[in-house]
PDB file of N, CA and C in Angstrom:
ATOM      1  N   MET A   1     -17.642  -1.092  -0.631  1.00  0.00           N
ATOM      2  CA  MET A   1     -16.599  -1.103   0.368  1.00  0.00           C
ATOM      3  C   MET A   1     -17.187  -0.645   1.701  1.00  0.00           C
ATOM      4  N   GLU A   2     -16.776  -1.321   2.756  1.00  0.00           N
ATOM      5  CA  GLU A   2     -17.246  -0.944   4.075  1.00  0.00           C
ATOM      6  C   GLU A   2     -16.680   0.406   4.479  1.00  0.00           C
ATOM      7  N   GLU A   3     -17.538   1.238   5.050  1.00  0.00           N
ATOM      8  CA  GLU A   3     -17.107   2.564   5.510  1.00  0.00           C
ATOM      9  C   GLU A   3     -16.032   2.430   6.599  1.00  0.00           C
ATOM     10  N   LYS A   4     -16.145   1.389   7.409  1.00  0.00           N
ATOM     11  CA  LYS A   4     -15.154   1.167   8.479  1.00  0.00           C
ATOM     12  C   LYS A   4     -13.751   1.008   7.885  1.00  0.00           C
ATOM     13  N   LEU A   5     -13.625   0.210   6.841  1.00  0.00           N
ATOM     14  CA  LEU A   5     -12.317   0.019   6.211  1.00  0.00           C
ATOM     15  C   LEU A   5     -11.817   1.309   5.583  1.00  0.00           C
ATOM     16  N   ARG A   6     -12.708   2.061   5.004  1.00  0.00           N
ATOM     17  CA  ARG A   6     -12.332   3.340   4.399  1.00  0.00           C
ATOM     18  C   ARG A   6     -11.759   4.265   5.478  1.00  0.00           C
ATOM     19  N   ARG A   7     -12.402   4.306   6.628  1.00  0.00           N
ATOM     20  CA  ARG A   7     -11.924   5.167   7.726  1.00  0.00           C
ATOM     21  C   ARG A   7     -10.581   4.691   8.259  1.00  0.00           C
ATOM     22  N   ILE A   8     -10.352   3.384   8.270  1.00  0.00           N
ATOM     23  CA  ILE A   8      -9.091   2.831   8.778  1.00  0.00           C
ATOM     24  C   ILE A   8      -7.940   3.136   7.832  1.00  0.00           C
ATOM     25  N   TYR A   9      -8.175   3.003   6.537  1.00  0.00           N
ATOM     26  CA  TYR A   9      -7.078   3.049   5.572  1.00  0.00           C
ATOM     27  C   TYR A   9      -6.916   4.360   4.810  1.00  0.00           C
ATOM     28  N   VAL A  10      -7.897   5.238   4.848  1.00  0.00           N
ATOM     29  CA  VAL A  10      -7.767   6.499   4.106  1.00  0.00           C
ATOM     30  C   VAL A  10      -7.938   7.645   5.094  1.00  0.00           C
ATOM     31  N   PRO A  11      -6.910   8.450   5.335  1.00  0.00           N
ATOM     32  CA  PRO A  11      -5.597   8.423   4.690  1.00  0.00           C
ATOM     33  C   PRO A  11      -4.733   7.285   5.230  1.00  0.00           C
ATOM     34  N   MET A  12      -3.814   6.835   4.394  1.00  0.00           N
ATOM     35  CA  MET A  12      -2.905   5.753   4.751  1.00  0.00           C
ATOM     36  C   MET A  12      -1.612   6.306   5.326  1.00  0.00           C
ATOM     37  N   THR A  13      -0.955   5.457   6.071  1.00  0.00           N
ATOM     38  CA  THR A  13       0.409   5.787   6.456  1.00  0.00           C
ATOM     39  C   THR A  13       1.271   5.650   5.209  1.00  0.00           C
ATOM     40  N   GLU A  14       2.413   6.282   5.228  1.00  0.00           N
ATOM     41  CA  GLU A  14       3.312   6.175   4.084  1.00  0.00           C
ATOM     42  C   GLU A  14       3.745   4.727   3.880  1.00  0.00           C
ATOM     43  N   SER A  15       4.041   4.034   4.975  1.00  0.00           N
ATOM     44  CA  SER A  15       4.437   2.624   4.875  1.00  0.00           C
ATOM     45  C   SER A  15       3.317   1.779   4.290  1.00  0.00           C
ATOM     46  N   GLY A  16       2.101   1.986   4.803  1.00  0.00           N
ATOM     47  CA  GLY A  16       0.960   1.233   4.295  1.00  0.00           C
ATOM     48  C   GLY A  16       0.732   1.468   2.817  1.00  0.00           C
ATOM     49  N   PHE A  17       0.870   2.717   2.390  1.00  0.00           N
ATOM     50  CA  PHE A  17       0.707   3.039   0.982  1.00  0.00           C
ATOM     51  C   PHE A  17       1.717   2.283   0.132  1.00  0.00           C
ATOM     52  N   TYR A  18       2.986   2.351   0.508  1.00  0.00           N
ATOM     53  CA  TYR A  18       4.013   1.693  -0.298  1.00  0.00           C
ATOM     54  C   TYR A  18       3.847   0.177  -0.306  1.00  0.00           C
ATOM     55  N   ILE A  19       3.452  -0.400   0.819  1.00  0.00           N
ATOM     56  CA  ILE A  19       3.243  -1.848   0.867  1.00  0.00           C
ATOM     57  C   ILE A  19       2.133  -2.236  -0.106  1.00  0.00           C
ATOM     58  N   LEU A  20       0.997  -1.564  -0.025  1.00  0.00           N
ATOM     59  CA  LEU A  20      -0.117  -1.889  -0.910  1.00  0.00           C
ATOM     60  C   LEU A  20       0.236  -1.603  -2.368  1.00  0.00           C
ATOM     61  N   PHE A  21       0.916  -0.501  -2.619  1.00  0.00           N
ATOM     62  CA  PHE A  21       1.330  -0.136  -3.967  1.00  0.00           C
ATOM     63  C   PHE A  21       2.227  -1.220  -4.569  1.00  0.00           C
ATOM     64  N   CYS A  22       3.150  -1.735  -3.769  1.00  0.00           N
ATOM     65  CA  CYS A  22       4.090  -2.757  -4.259  1.00  0.00           C
ATOM     66  C   CYS A  22       3.418  -4.102  -4.512  1.00  0.00           C
ATOM     67  N   LEU A  23       2.233  -4.306  -3.965  1.00  0.00           N
ATOM     68  CA  LEU A  23       1.559  -5.590  -4.147  1.00  0.00           C
ATOM     69  C   LEU A  23       0.627  -5.612  -5.351  1.00  0.00           C
ATOM     70  N   GLN A  24       0.797  -4.656  -6.256  1.00  0.00           N
ATOM     71  CA  GLN A  24       0.066  -4.717  -7.518  1.00  0.00           C
ATOM     72  C   GLN A  24       0.562  -5.889  -8.352  1.00  0.00           C
ATOM     73  N   THR A  25       1.761  -6.341  -8.042  1.00  0.00           N
ATOM     74  CA  THR A  25       2.290  -7.601  -8.567  1.00  0.00           C
ATOM     75  C   THR A  25       2.717  -8.424  -7.356  1.00  0.00           C
ATOM     76  N   PRO A  26       2.645  -9.743  -7.436  1.00  0.00           N
ATOM     77  CA  PRO A  26       2.980 -10.562  -6.275  1.00  0.00           C
ATOM     78  C   PRO A  26       4.381 -10.251  -5.736  1.00  0.00           C
ATOM     79  N   ASN A  27       4.482 -10.158  -4.416  1.00  0.00           N
ATOM     80  CA  ASN A  27       5.750  -9.841  -3.785  1.00  0.00           C
ATOM     81  C   ASN A  27       5.726 -10.339  -2.345  1.00  0.00           C
ATOM     82  N   HIS A  28       6.887 -10.380  -1.729  1.00  0.00           N
ATOM     83  CA  HIS A  28       7.022 -10.770  -0.326  1.00  0.00           C
ATOM     84  C   HIS A  28       7.598  -9.599   0.450  1.00  0.00           C
ATOM     85  N   GLY A  29       7.592  -9.705   1.764  1.00  0.00           N
ATOM     86  CA  GLY A  29       8.023  -8.608   2.622  1.00  0.00           C
ATOM     87  C   GLY A  29       9.386  -8.046   2.278  1.00  0.00           C
ATOM     88  N   TYR A  30      10.371  -8.908   2.117  1.00  0.00           N
ATOM     89  CA  TYR A  30      11.717  -8.428   1.809  1.00  0.00           C
ATOM     90  C   TYR A  30      11.753  -7.731   0.451  1.00  0.00           C
ATOM     91  N   GLY A  31      11.052  -8.294  -0.523  1.00  0.00           N
ATOM     92  CA  GLY A  31      10.999  -7.686  -1.855  1.00  0.00           C
ATOM     93  C   GLY A  31      10.342  -6.315  -1.817  1.00  0.00           C
ATOM     94  N   ILE A  32       9.287  -6.185  -1.020  1.00  0.00           N
ATOM     95  CA  ILE A  32       8.617  -4.894  -0.859  1.00  0.00           C
ATOM     96  C   ILE A  32       9.587  -3.892  -0.245  1.00  0.00           C
ATOM     97  N   SER A  33      10.262  -4.317   0.808  1.00  0.00           N
ATOM     98  CA  SER A  33      11.226  -3.447   1.488  1.00  0.00           C
ATOM     99  C   SER A  33      12.283  -2.920   0.526  1.00  0.00           C
ATOM    100  N   GLN A  34      12.810  -3.797  -0.303  1.00  0.00           N
ATOM    101  CA  GLN A  34      13.832  -3.394  -1.269  1.00  0.00           C
ATOM    102  C   GLN A  34      13.259  -2.462  -2.336  1.00  0.00           C
ATOM    103  N   ALA A  35      12.054  -2.745  -2.800  1.00  0.00           N
ATOM    104  CA  ALA A  35      11.416  -1.896  -3.810  1.00  0.00           C
ATOM    105  C   ALA A  35      11.163  -0.493  -3.262  1.00  0.00           C
ATOM    106  N   VAL A  36      10.720  -0.413  -2.009  1.00  0.00           N
ATOM    107  CA  VAL A  36      10.443   0.880  -1.393  1.00  0.00           C
ATOM    108  C   VAL A  36      11.732   1.678  -1.232  1.00  0.00           C
ATOM    109  N   LYS A  37      12.790   1.029  -0.800  1.00  0.00           N
ATOM    110  CA  LYS A  37      14.080   1.717  -0.682  1.00  0.00           C
ATOM    111  C   LYS A  37      14.507   2.282  -2.030  1.00  0.00           C
ATOM    112  N   GLN A  38      14.331   1.497  -3.086  1.00  0.00           N
ATOM    113  CA  GLN A  38      14.715   1.937  -4.426  1.00  0.00           C
ATOM    114  C   GLN A  38      13.836   3.095  -4.904  1.00  0.00           C
ATOM    115  N   MET A  39      12.514   2.965  -4.726  1.00  0.00           N
ATOM    116  CA  MET A  39      11.584   4.007  -5.172  1.00  0.00           C
ATOM    117  C   MET A  39      11.815   5.337  -4.471  1.00  0.00           C
ATOM    118  N   THR A  40      12.201   5.269  -3.210  1.00  0.00           N
ATOM    119  CA  THR A  40      12.313   6.493  -2.408  1.00  0.00           C
ATOM    120  C   THR A  40      13.757   6.950  -2.236  1.00  0.00           C
ATOM    121  N   GLY A  41      14.672   6.331  -2.929  1.00  0.00           N
ATOM    122  CA  GLY A  41      16.074   6.702  -2.793  1.00  0.00           C
ATOM    123  C   GLY A  41      16.592   6.467  -1.386  1.00  0.00           C
ATOM    124  N   GLY A  42      16.007   5.496  -0.705  1.00  0.00           N
ATOM    125  CA  GLY A  42      16.437   5.140   0.643  1.00  0.00           C
ATOM    126  C   GLY A  42      15.833   5.998   1.748  1.00  0.00           C
ATOM    127  N   SER A  43      14.953   6.937   1.395  1.00  0.00           N
ATOM    128  CA  SER A  43      14.388   7.812   2.430  1.00  0.00           C
ATOM    129  C   SER A  43      13.275   7.143   3.240  1.00  0.00           C
ATOM    130  N   VAL A  44      12.693   6.068   2.721  1.00  0.00           N
ATOM    131  CA  VAL A  44      11.686   5.319   3.471  1.00  0.00           C
ATOM    132  C   VAL A  44      12.215   3.913   3.688  1.00  0.00           C
ATOM    133  N   ASN A  45      12.309   3.543   4.957  1.00  0.00           N
ATOM    134  CA  ASN A  45      12.783   2.218   5.332  1.00  0.00           C
ATOM    135  C   ASN A  45      11.710   1.592   6.219  1.00  0.00           C
ATOM    136  N   ILE A  46      11.080   0.533   5.747  1.00  0.00           N
ATOM    137  CA  ILE A  46      10.004  -0.124   6.502  1.00  0.00           C
ATOM    138  C   ILE A  46      10.617  -1.229   7.346  1.00  0.00           C
ATOM    139  N   SER A  47      10.479  -1.103   8.649  1.00  0.00           N
ATOM    140  CA  SER A  47      11.039  -2.118   9.549  1.00  0.00           C
ATOM    141  C   SER A  47      10.297  -3.439   9.384  1.00  0.00           C
ATOM    142  N   ALA A  48      10.947  -4.514   9.806  1.00  0.00           N
ATOM    143  CA  ALA A  48      10.329  -5.846   9.706  1.00  0.00           C
ATOM    144  C   ALA A  48       9.027  -5.893  10.502  1.00  0.00           C
ATOM    145  N   GLY A  49       9.016  -5.304  11.681  1.00  0.00           N
ATOM    146  CA  GLY A  49       7.811  -5.308  12.505  1.00  0.00           C
ATOM    147  C   GLY A  49       6.652  -4.604  11.837  1.00  0.00           C
ATOM    148  N   THR A  50       6.931  -3.445  11.256  1.00  0.00           N
ATOM    149  CA  THR A  50       5.900  -2.695  10.537  1.00  0.00           C
ATOM    150  C   THR A  50       5.446  -3.471   9.306  1.00  0.00           C
ATOM    151  N   MET A  51       6.405  -4.021   8.583  1.00  0.00           N
ATOM    152  CA  MET A  51       6.088  -4.758   7.353  1.00  0.00           C
ATOM    153  C   MET A  51       5.150  -5.923   7.645  1.00  0.00           C
ATOM    154  N   TYR A  52       5.551  -6.799   8.551  1.00  0.00           N
ATOM    155  CA  TYR A  52       4.777  -8.021   8.753  1.00  0.00           C
ATOM    156  C   TYR A  52       3.495  -7.774   9.532  1.00  0.00           C
ATOM    157  N   GLY A  53       3.494  -6.758  10.397  1.00  0.00           N
ATOM    158  CA  GLY A  53       2.257  -6.374  11.066  1.00  0.00           C
ATOM    159  C   GLY A  53       1.242  -5.823  10.077  1.00  0.00           C
ATOM    160  N   THR A  54       1.721  -4.990   9.155  1.00  0.00           N
ATOM    161  CA  THR A  54       0.840  -4.397   8.138  1.00  0.00           C
ATOM    162  C   THR A  54       0.336  -5.453   7.164  1.00  0.00           C
ATOM    163  N   LEU A  55       1.228  -6.339   6.724  1.00  0.00           N
ATOM    164  CA  LEU A  55       0.796  -7.417   5.819  1.00  0.00           C
ATOM    165  C   LEU A  55      -0.291  -8.262   6.477  1.00  0.00           C
ATOM    166  N   SER A  56      -0.098  -8.603   7.748  1.00  0.00           N
ATOM    167  CA  SER A  56      -1.066  -9.422   8.470  1.00  0.00           C
ATOM    168  C   SER A  56      -2.414  -8.711   8.572  1.00  0.00           C
ATOM    169  N   LYS A  57      -2.390  -7.424   8.941  1.00  0.00           N
ATOM    170  CA  LYS A  57      -3.635  -6.675   9.074  1.00  0.00           C
ATOM    171  C   LYS A  57      -4.328  -6.521   7.721  1.00  0.00           C
ATOM    172  N   MET A  58      -3.564  -6.208   6.683  1.00  0.00           N
ATOM    173  CA  MET A  58      -4.165  -6.046   5.360  1.00  0.00           C
ATOM    174  C   MET A  58      -4.759  -7.354   4.853  1.00  0.00           C
ATOM    175  N   GLU A  59      -4.105  -8.469   5.168  1.00  0.00           N
ATOM    176  CA  GLU A  59      -4.654  -9.766   4.758  1.00  0.00           C
ATOM    177  C   GLU A  59      -5.948 -10.048   5.518  1.00  0.00           C
ATOM    178  N   THR A  60      -5.954  -9.803   6.818  1.00  0.00           N
ATOM    179  CA  THR A  60      -7.153 -10.013   7.630  1.00  0.00           C
ATOM    180  C   THR A  60      -8.313  -9.152   7.141  1.00  0.00           C
ATOM    181  N   ASP A  61      -8.000  -7.913   6.741  1.00  0.00           N
ATOM    182  CA  ASP A  61      -9.036  -6.984   6.280  1.00  0.00           C
ATOM    183  C   ASP A  61      -9.434  -7.196   4.823  1.00  0.00           C
ATOM    184  N   GLY A  62      -8.753  -8.104   4.121  1.00  0.00           N
ATOM    185  CA  GLY A  62      -9.131  -8.436   2.748  1.00  0.00           C
ATOM    186  C   GLY A  62      -8.543  -7.539   1.675  1.00  0.00           C
ATOM    187  N   LEU A  63      -7.527  -6.732   2.015  1.00  0.00           N
ATOM    188  CA  LEU A  63      -6.911  -5.851   1.028  1.00  0.00           C
ATOM    189  C   LEU A  63      -5.873  -6.585   0.191  1.00  0.00           C
ATOM    190  N   ILE A  64      -5.283  -7.605   0.780  1.00  0.00           N
ATOM    191  CA  ILE A  64      -4.307  -8.435   0.074  1.00  0.00           C
ATOM    192  C   ILE A  64      -4.641  -9.893   0.356  1.00  0.00           C
ATOM    193  N   LYS A  65      -4.058 -10.776  -0.451  1.00  0.00           N
ATOM    194  CA  LYS A  65      -4.261 -12.200  -0.208  1.00  0.00           C
ATOM    195  C   LYS A  65      -2.963 -12.943  -0.496  1.00  0.00           C
ATOM    196  N   PHE A  66      -2.849 -14.105   0.123  1.00  0.00           N
ATOM    197  CA  PHE A  66      -1.716 -14.988  -0.119  1.00  0.00           C
ATOM    198  C   PHE A  66      -1.743 -15.387  -1.588  1.00  0.00           C
ATOM    199  N   PHE A  67      -0.591 -15.331  -2.241  1.00  0.00           N
ATOM    200  CA  PHE A  67      -0.493 -15.677  -3.656  1.00  0.00           C
ATOM    201  C   PHE A  67       0.197 -17.023  -3.830  1.00  0.00           C
ATOM    202  N   SER A  68       1.392 -17.162  -3.256  1.00  0.00           N
ATOM    203  CA  SER A  68       2.125 -18.421  -3.324  1.00  0.00           C
ATOM    204  C   SER A  68       3.311 -18.337  -2.369  1.00  0.00           C
ATOM    205  N   GLU A  69       4.041 -19.424  -2.304  1.00  0.00           N
ATOM    206  CA  GLU A  69       5.257 -19.448  -1.493  1.00  0.00           C
ATOM    207  C   GLU A  69       6.429 -19.717  -2.420  1.00  0.00           C
ATOM    208  N   GLU A  70       7.493 -18.954  -2.210  1.00  0.00           N
ATOM    209  CA  GLU A  70       8.673 -19.064  -3.053  1.00  0.00           C
ATOM    210  C   GLU A  70       9.904 -18.992  -2.157  1.00  0.00           C
ATOM    211  N   ASP A  71      10.720 -20.024  -2.155  1.00  0.00           N
ATOM    212  CA  ASP A  71      11.914 -20.058  -1.309  1.00  0.00           C
ATOM    213  C   ASP A  71      11.590 -19.734   0.151  1.00  0.00           C
ATOM    214  N   LYS A  72      10.543 -20.340   0.674  1.00  0.00           N
ATOM    215  CA  LYS A  72      10.089 -20.174   2.051  1.00  0.00           C
ATOM    216  C   LYS A  72       9.600 -18.763   2.359  1.00  0.00           C
ATOM    217  N   ARG A  73       9.315 -17.975   1.330  1.00  0.00           N
ATOM    218  CA  ARG A  73       8.777 -16.627   1.520  1.00  0.00           C
ATOM    219  C   ARG A  73       7.353 -16.597   0.973  1.00  0.00           C
ATOM    220  N   LYS A  74       6.452 -16.011   1.766  1.00  0.00           N
ATOM    221  CA  LYS A  74       5.066 -15.864   1.332  1.00  0.00           C
ATOM    222  C   LYS A  74       4.941 -14.668   0.404  1.00  0.00           C
ATOM    223  N   LEU A  75       4.366 -14.907  -0.748  1.00  0.00           N
ATOM    224  CA  LEU A  75       4.077 -13.820  -1.683  1.00  0.00           C
ATOM    225  C   LEU A  75       2.613 -13.440  -1.541  1.00  0.00           C
ATOM    226  N   TYR A  76       2.370 -12.139  -1.544  1.00  0.00           N
ATOM    227  CA  TYR A  76       1.020 -11.604  -1.446  1.00  0.00           C
ATOM    228  C   TYR A  76       0.727 -10.777  -2.691  1.00  0.00           C
ATOM    229  N   VAL A  77      -0.558 -10.538  -2.925  1.00  0.00           N
ATOM    230  CA  VAL A  77      -0.986  -9.711  -4.045  1.00  0.00           C
ATOM    231  C   VAL A  77      -2.225  -8.929  -3.601  1.00  0.00           C
ATOM    232  N   ILE A  78      -2.403  -7.769  -4.187  1.00  0.00           N
ATOM    233  CA  ILE A  78      -3.543  -6.910  -3.858  1.00  0.00           C
ATOM    234  C   ILE A  78      -4.846  -7.566  -4.338  1.00  0.00           C
ATOM    235  N   THR A  79      -5.929  -7.332  -3.606  1.00  0.00           N
ATOM    236  CA  THR A  79      -7.256  -7.819  -3.996  1.00  0.00           C
ATOM    237  C   THR A  79      -8.039  -6.661  -4.635  1.00  0.00           C
ATOM    238  N   GLY A  80      -9.239  -6.951  -5.091  1.00  0.00           N
ATOM    239  CA  GLY A  80     -10.099  -5.904  -5.637  1.00  0.00           C
ATOM    240  C   GLY A  80     -10.383  -4.815  -4.607  1.00  0.00           C
ATOM    241  N   LEU A  81     -10.654  -5.220  -3.377  1.00  0.00           N
ATOM    242  CA  LEU A  81     -10.888  -4.253  -2.302  1.00  0.00           C
ATOM    243  C   LEU A  81      -9.633  -3.420  -2.048  1.00  0.00           C
ATOM    244  N   GLY A  82      -8.487  -4.072  -2.038  1.00  0.00           N
ATOM    245  CA  GLY A  82      -7.233  -3.357  -1.857  1.00  0.00           C
ATOM    246  C   GLY A  82      -7.008  -2.344  -2.962  1.00  0.00           C
ATOM    247  N   ARG A  83      -7.374  -2.720  -4.182  1.00  0.00           N
ATOM    248  CA  ARG A  83      -7.231  -1.816  -5.322  1.00  0.00           C
ATOM    249  C   ARG A  83      -8.125  -0.586  -5.153  1.00  0.00           C
ATOM    250  N   GLU A  84      -9.350  -0.806  -4.650  1.00  0.00           N
ATOM    251  CA  GLU A  84     -10.256   0.323  -4.392  1.00  0.00           C
ATOM    252  C   GLU A  84      -9.649   1.284  -3.380  1.00  0.00           C
ATOM    253  N   ILE A  85      -9.117   0.731  -2.307  1.00  0.00           N
ATOM    254  CA  ILE A  85      -8.503   1.547  -1.252  1.00  0.00           C
ATOM    255  C   ILE A  85      -7.286   2.287  -1.813  1.00  0.00           C
ATOM    256  N   LEU A  86      -6.447   1.586  -2.566  1.00  0.00           N
ATOM    257  CA  LEU A  86      -5.264   2.211  -3.152  1.00  0.00           C
ATOM    258  C   LEU A  86      -5.667   3.339  -4.102  1.00  0.00           C
ATOM    259  N   ASP A  87      -6.679   3.114  -4.924  1.00  0.00           N
ATOM    260  CA  ASP A  87      -7.149   4.152  -5.849  1.00  0.00           C
ATOM    261  C   ASP A  87      -7.658   5.385  -5.098  1.00  0.00           C
ATOM    262  N   LEU A  88      -8.388   5.164  -4.000  1.00  0.00           N
ATOM    263  CA  LEU A  88      -8.858   6.291  -3.185  1.00  0.00           C
ATOM    264  C   LEU A  88      -7.675   7.088  -2.642  1.00  0.00           C
ATOM    265  N   GLU A  89      -6.673   6.391  -2.179  1.00  0.00           N
ATOM    266  CA  GLU A  89      -5.509   7.064  -1.609  1.00  0.00           C
ATOM    267  C   GLU A  89      -4.715   7.806  -2.683  1.00  0.00           C
ATOM    268  N   ILE A  90      -4.582   7.220  -3.846  1.00  0.00           N
ATOM    269  CA  ILE A  90      -3.877   7.903  -4.941  1.00  0.00           C
ATOM    270  C   ILE A  90      -4.636   9.173  -5.330  1.00  0.00           C
ATOM    271  N   LYS A  91      -5.956   9.101  -5.420  1.00  0.00           N
ATOM    272  CA  LYS A  91      -6.745  10.290  -5.738  1.00  0.00           C
ATOM    273  C   LYS A  91      -6.592  11.356  -4.660  1.00  0.00           C
ATOM    274  N   ARG A  92      -6.544  10.945  -3.401  1.00  0.00           N
ATOM    275  CA  ARG A  92      -6.362  11.888  -2.296  1.00  0.00           C
ATOM    276  C   ARG A  92      -5.005  12.582  -2.405  1.00  0.00           C
ATOM    277  N   ILE A  93      -3.967  11.805  -2.692  1.00  0.00           N
ATOM    278  CA  ILE A  93      -2.620  12.367  -2.821  1.00  0.00           C
ATOM    279  C   ILE A  93      -2.551  13.310  -4.026  1.00  0.00           C
ATOM    280  N   GLU A  94      -3.169  12.917  -5.134  1.00  0.00           N
ATOM    281  CA  GLU A  94      -3.197  13.785  -6.313  1.00  0.00           C
ATOM    282  C   GLU A  94      -3.897  15.104  -6.006  1.00  0.00           C
ATOM    283  N   ARG A  95      -5.004  15.028  -5.260  1.00  0.00           N
ATOM    284  CA  ARG A  95      -5.729  16.242  -4.883  1.00  0.00           C
ATOM    285  C   ARG A  95      -4.852  17.141  -4.018  1.00  0.00           C
ATOM    286  N   LEU A  96      -4.164  16.557  -3.058  1.00  0.00           N
ATOM    287  CA  LEU A  96      -3.250  17.337  -2.213  1.00  0.00           C
ATOM    288  C   LEU A  96      -2.171  18.007  -3.049  1.00  0.00           C
ATOM    289  N   TYR A  97      -1.615  17.253  -3.975  1.00  0.00           N
ATOM    290  CA  TYR A  97      -0.557  17.794  -4.831  1.00  0.00           C
ATOM    291  C   TYR A  97      -1.081  18.950  -5.676  1.00  0.00           C
ATOM    292  N   LYS A  98      -2.224  18.746  -6.314  1.00  0.00           N
ATOM    293  CA  LYS A  98      -2.797  19.798  -7.149  1.00  0.00           C
ATOM    294  C   LYS A  98      -3.113  21.039  -6.326  1.00  0.00           C
ATOM    295  N   ASN A  99      -3.676  20.843  -5.150  1.00  0.00           N
ATOM    296  CA  ASN A  99      -3.993  21.985  -4.300  1.00  0.00           C
ATOM    297  C   ASN A  99      -2.732  22.716  -3.860  1.00  0.00           C
ATOM    298  N   SER A 100      -1.665  21.988  -3.635  1.00  0.00           N
ATOM    299  CA  SER A 100      -0.416  22.628  -3.202  1.00  0.00           C
ATOM    300  C   SER A 100       0.199  23.459  -4.325  1.00  0.00           C
ATOM    301  N   LYS A 101      -0.145  23.120  -5.549  1.00  0.00           N
ATOM    302  CA  LYS A 101       0.355  23.847  -6.719  1.00  0.00           C
ATOM    303  C   LYS A 101      -0.626  24.914  -7.190  1.00  0.00           C
ATOM    304  N   GLY A 102      -1.774  25.019  -6.510  1.00  0.00           N
ATOM    305  CA  GLY A 102      -2.771  26.015  -6.885  1.00  0.00           C
ATOM    306  C   GLY A 102      -3.551  25.642  -8.124  1.00  0.00           C
ATOM    307  N   GLU A 103      -3.528  24.362  -8.488  1.00  0.00           N
ATOM    308  CA  GLU A 103      -4.258  23.911  -9.679  1.00  0.00           C
ATOM    309  C   GLU A 103      -5.712  23.676  -9.338  1.00  0.00           C
ATOM    310  N   ASN A 104      -6.570  23.824 -10.328  1.00  0.00           N
ATOM    311  CA  ASN A 104      -7.985  23.552 -10.154  1.00  0.00           C
ATOM    312  C   ASN A 104      -8.194  22.043 -10.148  1.00  0.00           C
ATOM    313  N   ILE A 105      -8.738  21.502  -9.071  1.00  0.00           N
ATOM    314  CA  ILE A 105      -8.895  20.050  -8.967  1.00  0.00           C
ATOM    315  C   ILE A 105     -10.021  19.514  -9.856  1.00  0.00           C
ATOM    316  N   ASN A 106     -10.823  20.388 -10.414  1.00  0.00           N
ATOM    317  CA  ASN A 106     -11.922  19.938 -11.277  1.00  0.00           C
ATOM    318  C   ASN A 106     -11.493  19.799 -12.741  1.00  0.00           C
ATOM    319  N   GLU A 107     -10.238  20.109 -13.047  1.00  0.00           N
ATOM    320  CA  GLU A 107      -9.780  20.010 -14.436  1.00  0.00           C
ATOM    321  C   GLU A 107      -9.563  18.593 -14.832  1.00  0.00           C
TER     322      GLU A 107
END
């Protein structure tokens, strides 16, 4: 993985994290938005501008790719590179959580 991409995406914004997380299975912008609202109990609302700007940037950077079109909606899915970035971010969040609880991160 390019160090430049690592610096851009880790740490991720909350919106970026949820978008990439939701693309572990093919999805479109509206579907991601609805999934995020459900996962967060409505506390995270990704605007259309943020959603489509992030999808475009992630596609350009190779984190996601076009999967198919369904009812005039583009479906995207995470790539191997995107999975690496997502895994790094999940590990970072887990480390933060463990440290906040006073747990030993080496366990």
